[in-house]
Amino acid sequence: YSDDKVQLAMQTYEMVDKHIRRLDA
């Protein structure tokens, strides 16, 4: 369960970061 939570947190970070980069561009 802890590993799943870490993976989900990483996916959430990447999702937000992707939008930030596209907004910057």
PDBML (XML) file of the C-alpha atoms, coordinates in Angstrom:
<?xml version="1.0" encoding="UTF-8" ?>
<PDBx:datablock datablockName="MODEL"
   xmlns:PDBx="http://pdbml.pdb.org/schema/pdbx-v50.xsd"
   xmlns:xsi="http://www.w3.org/2001/XMLSchema-instance"
   xsi:schemaLocation="http://pdbml.pdb.org/schema/pdbx-v50.xsd pdbx-v50.xsd">
   <PDBx:atom_siteCategory>
      <PDBx:atom_site id="1">
         <PDBx:B_iso_or_equiv>0.00</PDBx:B_iso_or_equiv>
         <PDBx:Cartn_x>0.000</PDBx:Cartn_x>
         <PDBx:Cartn_y>0.000</PDBx:Cartn_y>
         <PDBx:Cartn_z>0.000</PDBx:Cartn_z>
         <PDBx:auth_asym_id>A</PDBx:auth_asym_id>
         <PDBx:auth_atom_id>CA</PDBx:auth_atom_id>
         <PDBx:auth_comp_id>TYR</PDBx:auth_comp_id>
         <PDBx:auth_seq_id>1</PDBx:auth_seq_id>
         <PDBx:group_PDB>ATOM</PDBx:group_PDB>
         <PDBx:label_alt_id xsi:nil="true" />
         <PDBx:label_asym_id>A</PDBx:label_asym_id>
         <PDBx:label_atom_id>CA</PDBx:label_atom_id>
         <PDBx:label_comp_id>TYR</PDBx:label_comp_id>
         <PDBx:label_entity_id>1</PDBx:label_entity_id>
         <PDBx:label_seq_id>1</PDBx:label_seq_id>
         <PDBx:occupancy>1.00</PDBx:occupancy>
         <PDBx:pdbx_PDB_model_num>1</PDBx:pdbx_PDB_model_num>
         <PDBx:type_symbol>C</PDBx:type_symbol>
      </PDBx:atom_site>
      <PDBx:atom_site id="2">
         <PDBx:B_iso_or_equiv>0.00</PDBx:B_iso_or_equiv>
         <PDBx:Cartn_x>2.844</PDBx:Cartn_x>
         <PDBx:Cartn_y>2.403</PDBx:Cartn_y>
         <PDBx:Cartn_z>0.813</PDBx:Cartn_z>
         <PDBx:auth_asym_id>A</PDBx:auth_asym_id>
         <PDBx:auth_atom_id>CA</PDBx:auth_atom_id>
         <PDBx:auth_comp_id>SER</PDBx:auth_comp_id>
         <PDBx:auth_seq_id>2</PDBx:auth_seq_id>
         <PDBx:group_PDB>ATOM</PDBx:group_PDB>
         <PDBx:label_alt_id xsi:nil="true" />
         <PDBx:label_asym_id>A</PDBx:label_asym_id>
         <PDBx:label_atom_id>CA</PDBx:label_atom_id>
         <PDBx:label_comp_id>SER</PDBx:label_comp_id>
         <PDBx:label_entity_id>1</PDBx:label_entity_id>
         <PDBx:label_seq_id>2</PDBx:label_seq_id>
         <PDBx:occupancy>1.00</PDBx:occupancy>
         <PDBx:pdbx_PDB_model_num>1</PDBx:pdbx_PDB_model_num>
         <PDBx:type_symbol>C</PDBx:type_symbol>
      </PDBx:atom_site>
      <PDBx:atom_site id="3">
         <PDBx:B_iso_or_equiv>0.00</PDBx:B_iso_or_equiv>
         <PDBx:Cartn_x>4.573</PDBx:Cartn_x>
         <PDBx:Cartn_y>1.718</PDBx:Cartn_y>
         <PDBx:Cartn_z>-2.523</PDBx:Cartn_z>
         <PDBx:auth_asym_id>A</PDBx:auth_asym_id>
         <PDBx:auth_atom_id>CA</PDBx:auth_atom_id>
         <PDBx:auth_comp_id>ASP</PDBx:auth_comp_id>
         <PDBx:auth_seq_id>3</PDBx:auth_seq_id>
         <PDBx:group_PDB>ATOM</PDBx:group_PDB>
         <PDBx:label_alt_id xsi:nil="true" />
         <PDBx:label_asym_id>A</PDBx:label_asym_id>
         <PDBx:label_atom_id>CA</PDBx:label_atom_id>
         <PDBx:label_comp_id>ASP</PDBx:label_comp_id>
         <PDBx:label_entity_id>1</PDBx:label_entity_id>
         <PDBx:label_seq_id>3</PDBx:label_seq_id>
         <PDBx:occupancy>1.00</PDBx:occupancy>
         <PDBx:pdbx_PDB_model_num>1</PDBx:pdbx_PDB_model_num>
         <PDBx:type_symbol>C</PDBx:type_symbol>
      </PDBx:atom_site>
      <PDBx:atom_site id="4">
         <PDBx:B_iso_or_equiv>0.00</PDBx:B_iso_or_equiv>
         <PDBx:Cartn_x>1.289</PDBx:Cartn_x>
         <PDBx:Cartn_y>2.342</PDBx:Cartn_y>
         <PDBx:Cartn_z>-4.340</PDBx:Cartn_z>
         <PDBx:auth_asym_id>A</PDBx:auth_asym_id>
         <PDBx:auth_atom_id>CA</PDBx:auth_atom_id>
         <PDBx:auth_comp_id>ASP</PDBx:auth_comp_id>
         <PDBx:auth_seq_id>4</PDBx:auth_seq_id>
         <PDBx:group_PDB>ATOM</PDBx:group_PDB>
         <PDBx:label_alt_id xsi:nil="true" />
         <PDBx:label_asym_id>A</PDBx:label_asym_id>
         <PDBx:label_atom_id>CA</PDBx:label_atom_id>
         <PDBx:label_comp_id>ASP</PDBx:label_comp_id>
         <PDBx:label_entity_id>1</PDBx:label_entity_id>
         <PDBx:label_seq_id>4</PDBx:label_seq_id>
         <PDBx:occupancy>1.00</PDBx:occupancy>
         <PDBx:pdbx_PDB_model_num>1</PDBx:pdbx_PDB_model_num>
         <PDBx:type_symbol>C</PDBx:type_symbol>
      </PDBx:atom_site>
      <PDBx:atom_site id="5">
         <PDBx:B_iso_or_equiv>0.00</PDBx:B_iso_or_equiv>
         <PDBx:Cartn_x>0.893</PDBx:Cartn_x>
         <PDBx:Cartn_y>5.650</PDBx:Cartn_y>
         <PDBx:Cartn_z>-2.520</PDBx:Cartn_z>
         <PDBx:auth_asym_id>A</PDBx:auth_asym_id>
         <PDBx:auth_atom_id>CA</PDBx:auth_atom_id>
         <PDBx:auth_comp_id>LYS</PDBx:auth_comp_id>
         <PDBx:auth_seq_id>5</PDBx:auth_seq_id>
         <PDBx:group_PDB>ATOM</PDBx:group_PDB>
         <PDBx:label_alt_id xsi:nil="true" />
         <PDBx:label_asym_id>A</PDBx:label_asym_id>
         <PDBx:label_atom_id>CA</PDBx:label_atom_id>
         <PDBx:label_comp_id>LYS</PDBx:label_comp_id>
         <PDBx:label_entity_id>1</PDBx:label_entity_id>
         <PDBx:label_seq_id>5</PDBx:label_seq_id>
         <PDBx:occupancy>1.00</PDBx:occupancy>
         <PDBx:pdbx_PDB_model_num>1</PDBx:pdbx_PDB_model_num>
         <PDBx:type_symbol>C</PDBx:type_symbol>
      </PDBx:atom_site>
      <PDBx:atom_site id="6">
         <PDBx:B_iso_or_equiv>0.00</PDBx:B_iso_or_equiv>
         <PDBx:Cartn_x>4.431</PDBx:Cartn_x>
         <PDBx:Cartn_y>6.757</PDBx:Cartn_y>
         <PDBx:Cartn_z>-3.447</PDBx:Cartn_z>
         <PDBx:auth_asym_id>A</PDBx:auth_asym_id>
         <PDBx:auth_atom_id>CA</PDBx:auth_atom_id>
         <PDBx:auth_comp_id>VAL</PDBx:auth_comp_id>
         <PDBx:auth_seq_id>6</PDBx:auth_seq_id>
         <PDBx:group_PDB>ATOM</PDBx:group_PDB>
         <PDBx:label_alt_id xsi:nil="true" />
         <PDBx:label_asym_id>A</PDBx:label_asym_id>
         <PDBx:label_atom_id>CA</PDBx:label_atom_id>
         <PDBx:label_comp_id>VAL</PDBx:label_comp_id>
         <PDBx:label_entity_id>1</PDBx:label_entity_id>
         <PDBx:label_seq_id>6</PDBx:label_seq_id>
         <PDBx:occupancy>1.00</PDBx:occupancy>
         <PDBx:pdbx_PDB_model_num>1</PDBx:pdbx_PDB_model_num>
         <PDBx:type_symbol>C</PDBx:type_symbol>
      </PDBx:atom_site>
      <PDBx:atom_site id="7">
         <PDBx:B_iso_or_equiv>0.00</PDBx:B_iso_or_equiv>
         <PDBx:Cartn_x>3.848</PDBx:Cartn_x>
         <PDBx:Cartn_y>5.831</PDBx:Cartn_y>
         <PDBx:Cartn_z>-7.095</PDBx:Cartn_z>
         <PDBx:auth_asym_id>A</PDBx:auth_asym_id>
         <PDBx:auth_atom_id>CA</PDBx:auth_atom_id>
         <PDBx:auth_comp_id>GLN</PDBx:auth_comp_id>
         <PDBx:auth_seq_id>7</PDBx:auth_seq_id>
         <PDBx:group_PDB>ATOM</PDBx:group_PDB>
         <PDBx:label_alt_id xsi:nil="true" />
         <PDBx:label_asym_id>A</PDBx:label_asym_id>
         <PDBx:label_atom_id>CA</PDBx:label_atom_id>
         <PDBx:label_comp_id>GLN</PDBx:label_comp_id>
         <PDBx:label_entity_id>1</PDBx:label_entity_id>
         <PDBx:label_seq_id>7</PDBx:label_seq_id>
         <PDBx:occupancy>1.00</PDBx:occupancy>
         <PDBx:pdbx_PDB_model_num>1</PDBx:pdbx_PDB_model_num>
         <PDBx:type_symbol>C</PDBx:type_symbol>
      </PDBx:atom_site>
      <PDBx:atom_site id="8">
         <PDBx:B_iso_or_equiv>0.00</PDBx:B_iso_or_equiv>
         <PDBx:Cartn_x>0.558</PDBx:Cartn_x>
         <PDBx:Cartn_y>7.719</PDBx:Cartn_y>
         <PDBx:Cartn_z>-7.106</PDBx:Cartn_z>
         <PDBx:auth_asym_id>A</PDBx:auth_asym_id>
         <PDBx:auth_atom_id>CA</PDBx:auth_atom_id>
         <PDBx:auth_comp_id>LEU</PDBx:auth_comp_id>
         <PDBx:auth_seq_id>8</PDBx:auth_seq_id>
         <PDBx:group_PDB>ATOM</PDBx:group_PDB>
         <PDBx:label_alt_id xsi:nil="true" />
         <PDBx:label_asym_id>A</PDBx:label_asym_id>
         <PDBx:label_atom_id>CA</PDBx:label_atom_id>
         <PDBx:label_comp_id>LEU</PDBx:label_comp_id>
         <PDBx:label_entity_id>1</PDBx:label_entity_id>
         <PDBx:label_seq_id>8</PDBx:label_seq_id>
         <PDBx:occupancy>1.00</PDBx:occupancy>
         <PDBx:pdbx_PDB_model_num>1</PDBx:pdbx_PDB_model_num>
         <PDBx:type_symbol>C</PDBx:type_symbol>
      </PDBx:atom_site>
      <PDBx:atom_site id="9">
         <PDBx:B_iso_or_equiv>0.00</PDBx:B_iso_or_equiv>
         <PDBx:Cartn_x>2.221</PDBx:Cartn_x>
         <PDBx:Cartn_y>10.786</PDBx:Cartn_y>
         <PDBx:Cartn_z>-5.584</PDBx:Cartn_z>
         <PDBx:auth_asym_id>A</PDBx:auth_asym_id>
         <PDBx:auth_atom_id>CA</PDBx:auth_atom_id>
         <PDBx:auth_comp_id>ALA</PDBx:auth_comp_id>
         <PDBx:auth_seq_id>9</PDBx:auth_seq_id>
         <PDBx:group_PDB>ATOM</PDBx:group_PDB>
         <PDBx:label_alt_id xsi:nil="true" />
         <PDBx:label_asym_id>A</PDBx:label_asym_id>
         <PDBx:label_atom_id>CA</PDBx:label_atom_id>
         <PDBx:label_comp_id>ALA</PDBx:label_comp_id>
         <PDBx:label_entity_id>1</PDBx:label_entity_id>
         <PDBx:label_seq_id>9</PDBx:label_seq_id>
         <PDBx:occupancy>1.00</PDBx:occupancy>
         <PDBx:pdbx_PDB_model_num>1</PDBx:pdbx_PDB_model_num>
         <PDBx:type_symbol>C</PDBx:type_symbol>
      </PDBx:atom_site>
      <PDBx:atom_site id="10">
         <PDBx:B_iso_or_equiv>0.00</PDBx:B_iso_or_equiv>
         <PDBx:Cartn_x>4.923</PDBx:Cartn_x>
         <PDBx:Cartn_y>10.709</PDBx:Cartn_y>
         <PDBx:Cartn_z>-8.291</PDBx:Cartn_z>
         <PDBx:auth_asym_id>A</PDBx:auth_asym_id>
         <PDBx:auth_atom_id>CA</PDBx:auth_atom_id>
         <PDBx:auth_comp_id>MET</PDBx:auth_comp_id>
         <PDBx:auth_seq_id>10</PDBx:auth_seq_id>
         <PDBx:group_PDB>ATOM</PDBx:group_PDB>
         <PDBx:label_alt_id xsi:nil="true" />
         <PDBx:label_asym_id>A</PDBx:label_asym_id>
         <PDBx:label_atom_id>CA</PDBx:label_atom_id>
         <PDBx:label_comp_id>MET</PDBx:label_comp_id>
         <PDBx:label_entity_id>1</PDBx:label_entity_id>
         <PDBx:label_seq_id>10</PDBx:label_seq_id>
         <PDBx:occupancy>1.00</PDBx:occupancy>
         <PDBx:pdbx_PDB_model_num>1</PDBx:pdbx_PDB_model_num>
         <PDBx:type_symbol>C</PDBx:type_symbol>
      </PDBx:atom_site>
      <PDBx:atom_site id="11">
         <PDBx:B_iso_or_equiv>0.00</PDBx:B_iso_or_equiv>
         <PDBx:Cartn_x>2.291</PDBx:Cartn_x>
         <PDBx:Cartn_y>10.442</PDBx:Cartn_y>
         <PDBx:Cartn_z>-11.027</PDBx:Cartn_z>
         <PDBx:auth_asym_id>A</PDBx:auth_asym_id>
         <PDBx:auth_atom_id>CA</PDBx:auth_atom_id>
         <PDBx:auth_comp_id>GLN</PDBx:auth_comp_id>
         <PDBx:auth_seq_id>11</PDBx:auth_seq_id>
         <PDBx:group_PDB>ATOM</PDBx:group_PDB>
         <PDBx:label_alt_id xsi:nil="true" />
         <PDBx:label_asym_id>A</PDBx:label_asym_id>
         <PDBx:label_atom_id>CA</PDBx:label_atom_id>
         <PDBx:label_comp_id>GLN</PDBx:label_comp_id>
         <PDBx:label_entity_id>1</PDBx:label_entity_id>
         <PDBx:label_seq_id>11</PDBx:label_seq_id>
         <PDBx:occupancy>1.00</PDBx:occupancy>
         <PDBx:pdbx_PDB_model_num>1</PDBx:pdbx_PDB_model_num>
         <PDBx:type_symbol>C</PDBx:type_symbol>
      </PDBx:atom_site>
      <PDBx:atom_site id="12">
         <PDBx:B_iso_or_equiv>0.00</PDBx:B_iso_or_equiv>
         <PDBx:Cartn_x>0.406</PDBx:Cartn_x>
         <PDBx:Cartn_y>13.393</PDBx:Cartn_y>
         <PDBx:Cartn_z>-9.516</PDBx:Cartn_z>
         <PDBx:auth_asym_id>A</PDBx:auth_asym_id>
         <PDBx:auth_atom_id>CA</PDBx:auth_atom_id>
         <PDBx:auth_comp_id>THR</PDBx:auth_comp_id>
         <PDBx:auth_seq_id>12</PDBx:auth_seq_id>
         <PDBx:group_PDB>ATOM</PDBx:group_PDB>
         <PDBx:label_alt_id xsi:nil="true" />
         <PDBx:label_asym_id>A</PDBx:label_asym_id>
         <PDBx:label_atom_id>CA</PDBx:label_atom_id>
         <PDBx:label_comp_id>THR</PDBx:label_comp_id>
         <PDBx:label_entity_id>1</PDBx:label_entity_id>
         <PDBx:label_seq_id>12</PDBx:label_seq_id>
         <PDBx:occupancy>1.00</PDBx:occupancy>
         <PDBx:pdbx_PDB_model_num>1</PDBx:pdbx_PDB_model_num>
         <PDBx:type_symbol>C</PDBx:type_symbol>
      </PDBx:atom_site>
      <PDBx:atom_site id="13">
         <PDBx:B_iso_or_equiv>0.00</PDBx:B_iso_or_equiv>
         <PDBx:Cartn_x>3.588</PDBx:Cartn_x>
         <PDBx:Cartn_y>15.483</PDBx:Cartn_y>
         <PDBx:Cartn_z>-9.441</PDBx:Cartn_z>
         <PDBx:auth_asym_id>A</PDBx:auth_asym_id>
         <PDBx:auth_atom_id>CA</PDBx:auth_atom_id>
         <PDBx:auth_comp_id>TYR</PDBx:auth_comp_id>
         <PDBx:auth_seq_id>13</PDBx:auth_seq_id>
         <PDBx:group_PDB>ATOM</PDBx:group_PDB>
         <PDBx:label_alt_id xsi:nil="true" />
         <PDBx:label_asym_id>A</PDBx:label_asym_id>
         <PDBx:label_atom_id>CA</PDBx:label_atom_id>
         <PDBx:label_comp_id>TYR</PDBx:label_comp_id>
         <PDBx:label_entity_id>1</PDBx:label_entity_id>
         <PDBx:label_seq_id>13</PDBx:label_seq_id>
         <PDBx:occupancy>1.00</PDBx:occupancy>
         <PDBx:pdbx_PDB_model_num>1</PDBx:pdbx_PDB_model_num>
         <PDBx:type_symbol>C</PDBx:type_symbol>
      </PDBx:atom_site>
      <PDBx:atom_site id="14">
         <PDBx:B_iso_or_equiv>0.00</PDBx:B_iso_or_equiv>
         <PDBx:Cartn_x>4.379</PDBx:Cartn_x>
         <PDBx:Cartn_y>14.648</PDBx:Cartn_y>
         <PDBx:Cartn_z>-13.068</PDBx:Cartn_z>
         <PDBx:auth_asym_id>A</PDBx:auth_asym_id>
         <PDBx:auth_atom_id>CA</PDBx:auth_atom_id>
         <PDBx:auth_comp_id>GLU</PDBx:auth_comp_id>
         <PDBx:auth_seq_id>14</PDBx:auth_seq_id>
         <PDBx:group_PDB>ATOM</PDBx:group_PDB>
         <PDBx:label_alt_id xsi:nil="true" />
         <PDBx:label_asym_id>A</PDBx:label_asym_id>
         <PDBx:label_atom_id>CA</PDBx:label_atom_id>
         <PDBx:label_comp_id>GLU</PDBx:label_comp_id>
         <PDBx:label_entity_id>1</PDBx:label_entity_id>
         <PDBx:label_seq_id>14</PDBx:label_seq_id>
         <PDBx:occupancy>1.00</PDBx:occupancy>
         <PDBx:pdbx_PDB_model_num>1</PDBx:pdbx_PDB_model_num>
         <PDBx:type_symbol>C</PDBx:type_symbol>
      </PDBx:atom_site>
      <PDBx:atom_site id="15">
         <PDBx:B_iso_or_equiv>0.00</PDBx:B_iso_or_equiv>
         <PDBx:Cartn_x>0.827</PDBx:Cartn_x>
         <PDBx:Cartn_y>15.528</PDBx:Cartn_y>
         <PDBx:Cartn_z>-14.096</PDBx:Cartn_z>
         <PDBx:auth_asym_id>A</PDBx:auth_asym_id>
         <PDBx:auth_atom_id>CA</PDBx:auth_atom_id>
         <PDBx:auth_comp_id>MET</PDBx:auth_comp_id>
         <PDBx:auth_seq_id>15</PDBx:auth_seq_id>
         <PDBx:group_PDB>ATOM</PDBx:group_PDB>
         <PDBx:label_alt_id xsi:nil="true" />
         <PDBx:label_asym_id>A</PDBx:label_asym_id>
         <PDBx:label_atom_id>CA</PDBx:label_atom_id>
         <PDBx:label_comp_id>MET</PDBx:label_comp_id>
         <PDBx:label_entity_id>1</PDBx:label_entity_id>
         <PDBx:label_seq_id>15</PDBx:label_seq_id>
         <PDBx:occupancy>1.00</PDBx:occupancy>
         <PDBx:pdbx_PDB_model_num>1</PDBx:pdbx_PDB_model_num>
         <PDBx:type_symbol>C</PDBx:type_symbol>
      </PDBx:atom_site>
      <PDBx:atom_site id="16">
         <PDBx:B_iso_or_equiv>0.00</PDBx:B_iso_or_equiv>
         <PDBx:Cartn_x>0.965</PDBx:Cartn_x>
         <PDBx:Cartn_y>18.975</PDBx:Cartn_y>
         <PDBx:Cartn_z>-12.470</PDBx:Cartn_z>
         <PDBx:auth_asym_id>A</PDBx:auth_asym_id>
         <PDBx:auth_atom_id>CA</PDBx:auth_atom_id>
         <PDBx:auth_comp_id>VAL</PDBx:auth_comp_id>
         <PDBx:auth_seq_id>16</PDBx:auth_seq_id>
         <PDBx:group_PDB>ATOM</PDBx:group_PDB>
         <PDBx:label_alt_id xsi:nil="true" />
         <PDBx:label_asym_id>A</PDBx:label_asym_id>
         <PDBx:label_atom_id>CA</PDBx:label_atom_id>
         <PDBx:label_comp_id>VAL</PDBx:label_comp_id>
         <PDBx:label_entity_id>1</PDBx:label_entity_id>
         <PDBx:label_seq_id>16</PDBx:label_seq_id>
         <PDBx:occupancy>1.00</PDBx:occupancy>
         <PDBx:pdbx_PDB_model_num>1</PDBx:pdbx_PDB_model_num>
         <PDBx:type_symbol>C</PDBx:type_symbol>
      </PDBx:atom_site>
      <PDBx:atom_site id="17">
         <PDBx:B_iso_or_equiv>0.00</PDBx:B_iso_or_equiv>
         <PDBx:Cartn_x>4.521</PDBx:Cartn_x>
         <PDBx:Cartn_y>19.580</PDBx:Cartn_y>
         <PDBx:Cartn_z>-13.689</PDBx:Cartn_z>
         <PDBx:auth_asym_id>A</PDBx:auth_asym_id>
         <PDBx:auth_atom_id>CA</PDBx:auth_atom_id>
         <PDBx:auth_comp_id>ASP</PDBx:auth_comp_id>
         <PDBx:auth_seq_id>17</PDBx:auth_seq_id>
         <PDBx:group_PDB>ATOM</PDBx:group_PDB>
         <PDBx:label_alt_id xsi:nil="true" />
         <PDBx:label_asym_id>A</PDBx:label_asym_id>
         <PDBx:label_atom_id>CA</PDBx:label_atom_id>
         <PDBx:label_comp_id>ASP</PDBx:label_comp_id>
         <PDBx:label_entity_id>1</PDBx:label_entity_id>
         <PDBx:label_seq_id>17</PDBx:label_seq_id>
         <PDBx:occupancy>1.00</PDBx:occupancy>
         <PDBx:pdbx_PDB_model_num>1</PDBx:pdbx_PDB_model_num>
         <PDBx:type_symbol>C</PDBx:type_symbol>
      </PDBx:atom_site>
      <PDBx:atom_site id="18">
         <PDBx:B_iso_or_equiv>0.00</PDBx:B_iso_or_equiv>
         <PDBx:Cartn_x>3.481</PDBx:Cartn_x>
         <PDBx:Cartn_y>18.779</PDBx:Cartn_y>
         <PDBx:Cartn_z>-17.270</PDBx:Cartn_z>
         <PDBx:auth_asym_id>A</PDBx:auth_asym_id>
         <PDBx:auth_atom_id>CA</PDBx:auth_atom_id>
         <PDBx:auth_comp_id>LYS</PDBx:auth_comp_id>
         <PDBx:auth_seq_id>18</PDBx:auth_seq_id>
         <PDBx:group_PDB>ATOM</PDBx:group_PDB>
         <PDBx:label_alt_id xsi:nil="true" />
         <PDBx:label_asym_id>A</PDBx:label_asym_id>
         <PDBx:label_atom_id>CA</PDBx:label_atom_id>
         <PDBx:label_comp_id>LYS</PDBx:label_comp_id>
         <PDBx:label_entity_id>1</PDBx:label_entity_id>
         <PDBx:label_seq_id>18</PDBx:label_seq_id>
         <PDBx:occupancy>1.00</PDBx:occupancy>
         <PDBx:pdbx_PDB_model_num>1</PDBx:pdbx_PDB_model_num>
         <PDBx:type_symbol>C</PDBx:type_symbol>
      </PDBx:atom_site>
      <PDBx:atom_site id="19">
         <PDBx:B_iso_or_equiv>0.00</PDBx:B_iso_or_equiv>
         <PDBx:Cartn_x>0.763</PDBx:Cartn_x>
         <PDBx:Cartn_y>21.454</PDBx:Cartn_y>
         <PDBx:Cartn_z>-17.143</PDBx:Cartn_z>
         <PDBx:auth_asym_id>A</PDBx:auth_asym_id>
         <PDBx:auth_atom_id>CA</PDBx:auth_atom_id>
         <PDBx:auth_comp_id>HIS</PDBx:auth_comp_id>
         <PDBx:auth_seq_id>19</PDBx:auth_seq_id>
         <PDBx:group_PDB>ATOM</PDBx:group_PDB>
         <PDBx:label_alt_id xsi:nil="true" />
         <PDBx:label_asym_id>A</PDBx:label_asym_id>
         <PDBx:label_atom_id>CA</PDBx:label_atom_id>
         <PDBx:label_comp_id>HIS</PDBx:label_comp_id>
         <PDBx:label_entity_id>1</PDBx:label_entity_id>
         <PDBx:label_seq_id>19</PDBx:label_seq_id>
         <PDBx:occupancy>1.00</PDBx:occupancy>
         <PDBx:pdbx_PDB_model_num>1</PDBx:pdbx_PDB_model_num>
         <PDBx:type_symbol>C</PDBx:type_symbol>
      </PDBx:atom_site>
      <PDBx:atom_site id="20">
         <PDBx:B_iso_or_equiv>0.00</PDBx:B_iso_or_equiv>
         <PDBx:Cartn_x>3.231</PDBx:Cartn_x>
         <PDBx:Cartn_y>23.964</PDBx:Cartn_y>
         <PDBx:Cartn_z>-15.685</PDBx:Cartn_z>
         <PDBx:auth_asym_id>A</PDBx:auth_asym_id>
         <PDBx:auth_atom_id>CA</PDBx:auth_atom_id>
         <PDBx:auth_comp_id>ILE</PDBx:auth_comp_id>
         <PDBx:auth_seq_id>20</PDBx:auth_seq_id>
         <PDBx:group_PDB>ATOM</PDBx:group_PDB>
         <PDBx:label_alt_id xsi:nil="true" />
         <PDBx:label_asym_id>A</PDBx:label_asym_id>
         <PDBx:label_atom_id>CA</PDBx:label_atom_id>
         <PDBx:label_comp_id>ILE</PDBx:label_comp_id>
         <PDBx:label_entity_id>1</PDBx:label_entity_id>
         <PDBx:label_seq_id>20</PDBx:label_seq_id>
         <PDBx:occupancy>1.00</PDBx:occupancy>
         <PDBx:pdbx_PDB_model_num>1</PDBx:pdbx_PDB_model_num>
         <PDBx:type_symbol>C</PDBx:type_symbol>
      </PDBx:atom_site>
      <PDBx:atom_site id="21">
         <PDBx:B_iso_or_equiv>0.00</PDBx:B_iso_or_equiv>
         <PDBx:Cartn_x>5.698</PDBx:Cartn_x>
         <PDBx:Cartn_y>23.392</PDBx:Cartn_y>
         <PDBx:Cartn_z>-18.533</PDBx:Cartn_z>
         <PDBx:auth_asym_id>A</PDBx:auth_asym_id>
         <PDBx:auth_atom_id>CA</PDBx:auth_atom_id>
         <PDBx:auth_comp_id>ARG</PDBx:auth_comp_id>
         <PDBx:auth_seq_id>21</PDBx:auth_seq_id>
         <PDBx:group_PDB>ATOM</PDBx:group_PDB>
         <PDBx:label_alt_id xsi:nil="true" />
         <PDBx:label_asym_id>A</PDBx:label_asym_id>
         <PDBx:label_atom_id>CA</PDBx:label_atom_id>
         <PDBx:label_comp_id>ARG</PDBx:label_comp_id>
         <PDBx:label_entity_id>1</PDBx:label_entity_id>
         <PDBx:label_seq_id>21</PDBx:label_seq_id>
         <PDBx:occupancy>1.00</PDBx:occupancy>
         <PDBx:pdbx_PDB_model_num>1</PDBx:pdbx_PDB_model_num>
         <PDBx:type_symbol>C</PDBx:type_symbol>
      </PDBx:atom_site>
      <PDBx:atom_site id="22">
         <PDBx:B_iso_or_equiv>0.00</PDBx:B_iso_or_equiv>
         <PDBx:Cartn_x>2.973</PDBx:Cartn_x>
         <PDBx:Cartn_y>23.724</PDBx:Cartn_y>
         <PDBx:Cartn_z>-21.155</PDBx:Cartn_z>
         <PDBx:auth_asym_id>A</PDBx:auth_asym_id>
         <PDBx:auth_atom_id>CA</PDBx:auth_atom_id>
         <PDBx:auth_comp_id>ARG</PDBx:auth_comp_id>
         <PDBx:auth_seq_id>22</PDBx:auth_seq_id>
         <PDBx:group_PDB>ATOM</PDBx:group_PDB>
         <PDBx:label_alt_id xsi:nil="true" />
         <PDBx:label_asym_id>A</PDBx:label_asym_id>
         <PDBx:label_atom_id>CA</PDBx:label_atom_id>
         <PDBx:label_comp_id>ARG</PDBx:label_comp_id>
         <PDBx:label_entity_id>1</PDBx:label_entity_id>
         <PDBx:label_seq_id>22</PDBx:label_seq_id>
         <PDBx:occupancy>1.00</PDBx:occupancy>
         <PDBx:pdbx_PDB_model_num>1</PDBx:pdbx_PDB_model_num>
         <PDBx:type_symbol>C</PDBx:type_symbol>
      </PDBx:atom_site>
      <PDBx:atom_site id="23">
         <PDBx:B_iso_or_equiv>0.00</PDBx:B_iso_or_equiv>
         <PDBx:Cartn_x>1.704</PDBx:Cartn_x>
         <PDBx:Cartn_y>26.927</PDBx:Cartn_y>
         <PDBx:Cartn_z>-19.566</PDBx:Cartn_z>
         <PDBx:auth_asym_id>A</PDBx:auth_asym_id>
         <PDBx:auth_atom_id>CA</PDBx:auth_atom_id>
         <PDBx:auth_comp_id>LEU</PDBx:auth_comp_id>
         <PDBx:auth_seq_id>23</PDBx:auth_seq_id>
         <PDBx:group_PDB>ATOM</PDBx:group_PDB>
         <PDBx:label_alt_id xsi:nil="true" />
         <PDBx:label_asym_id>A</PDBx:label_asym_id>
         <PDBx:label_atom_id>CA</PDBx:label_atom_id>
         <PDBx:label_comp_id>LEU</PDBx:label_comp_id>
         <PDBx:label_entity_id>1</PDBx:label_entity_id>
         <PDBx:label_seq_id>23</PDBx:label_seq_id>
         <PDBx:occupancy>1.00</PDBx:occupancy>
         <PDBx:pdbx_PDB_model_num>1</PDBx:pdbx_PDB_model_num>
         <PDBx:type_symbol>C</PDBx:type_symbol>
      </PDBx:atom_site>
      <PDBx:atom_site id="24">
         <PDBx:B_iso_or_equiv>0.00</PDBx:B_iso_or_equiv>
         <PDBx:Cartn_x>5.240</PDBx:Cartn_x>
         <PDBx:Cartn_y>28.341</PDBx:Cartn_y>
         <PDBx:Cartn_z>-19.550</PDBx:Cartn_z>
         <PDBx:auth_asym_id>A</PDBx:auth_asym_id>
         <PDBx:auth_atom_id>CA</PDBx:auth_atom_id>
         <PDBx:auth_comp_id>ASP</PDBx:auth_comp_id>
         <PDBx:auth_seq_id>24</PDBx:auth_seq_id>
         <PDBx:group_PDB>ATOM</PDBx:group_PDB>
         <PDBx:label_alt_id xsi:nil="true" />
         <PDBx:label_asym_id>A</PDBx:label_asym_id>
         <PDBx:label_atom_id>CA</PDBx:label_atom_id>
         <PDBx:label_comp_id>ASP</PDBx:label_comp_id>
         <PDBx:label_entity_id>1</PDBx:label_entity_id>
         <PDBx:label_seq_id>24</PDBx:label_seq_id>
         <PDBx:occupancy>1.00</PDBx:occupancy>
         <PDBx:pdbx_PDB_model_num>1</PDBx:pdbx_PDB_model_num>
         <PDBx:type_symbol>C</PDBx:type_symbol>
      </PDBx:atom_site>
      <PDBx:atom_site id="25">
         <PDBx:B_iso_or_equiv>0.00</PDBx:B_iso_or_equiv>
         <PDBx:Cartn_x>5.614</PDBx:Cartn_x>
         <PDBx:Cartn_y>27.549</PDBx:Cartn_y>
         <PDBx:Cartn_z>-23.246</PDBx:Cartn_z>
         <PDBx:auth_asym_id>A</PDBx:auth_asym_id>
         <PDBx:auth_atom_id>CA</PDBx:auth_atom_id>
         <PDBx:auth_comp_id>ALA</PDBx:auth_comp_id>
         <PDBx:auth_seq_id>25</PDBx:auth_seq_id>
         <PDBx:group_PDB>ATOM</PDBx:group_PDB>
         <PDBx:label_alt_id xsi:nil="true" />
         <PDBx:label_asym_id>A</PDBx:label_asym_id>
         <PDBx:label_atom_id>CA</PDBx:label_atom_id>
         <PDBx:label_comp_id>ALA</PDBx:label_comp_id>
         <PDBx:label_entity_id>1</PDBx:label_entity_id>
         <PDBx:label_seq_id>25</PDBx:label_seq_id>
         <PDBx:occupancy>1.00</PDBx:occupancy>
         <PDBx:pdbx_PDB_model_num>1</PDBx:pdbx_PDB_model_num>
         <PDBx:type_symbol>C</PDBx:type_symbol>
      </PDBx:atom_site>
   </PDBx:atom_siteCategory>
</PDBx:datablock>
